């Protein structure tokens, strides 16, 4: 059930490698006390469902259950496709270069790209965890275009100053920093301290 009084956060999961970032984002949001936790609206692309099967043991139904509301990527008439549907913003985790290009060029024929376009036009926060390397000029130009439109390009780059002990630590730190952009603290970020030795 949609609670009109709660803040809402859209999570888009595209078909890029690194689908665990989107899953872990949903899991970490679940750890927040209900009164502080934003209502989550999830969209998984068709390619994302394929990547899910390749990269994890999760079933799509299990991932969908982590969200409060799920939307079909083909449903371009969904609530998220309108600026009148108020949200905090949107995270695309991971963001494929195809999805990046769709948003940058305004070719929004899926709900993920349309919802992202709405976020930009309403001047809300859009965070794209672009997962690709190496990058050619077209990728970089699309990133620049989106940055100029107000989006935040946040590739999942590990922070080694946090001294991660596992891949899970690296993922959690990265997702924690993404949620920092929405003023959401999940207590999983090892923060840089003023007394950290400089050498």
Foldseek 3Di string as FASTA:
>chain_A
DDDLPFAEEEEEEEQDPQSVLSLVLLVLLVVDPPVNRGQYEYEYAPNNQVNCVVPHPDHPVVSCVSHNHYDYFQPCVDPLLDLVRGHQEYEYGAAELVLLVCLLVVVRRTNVSSSNVSCLVNVHEYEHQYDDPDDDPVSVVSVVSVVVSPYHYQHLDFDCVLVDPDPVLRSQQSSQVVVVVSVDHSPSHDDDDPPPDDD
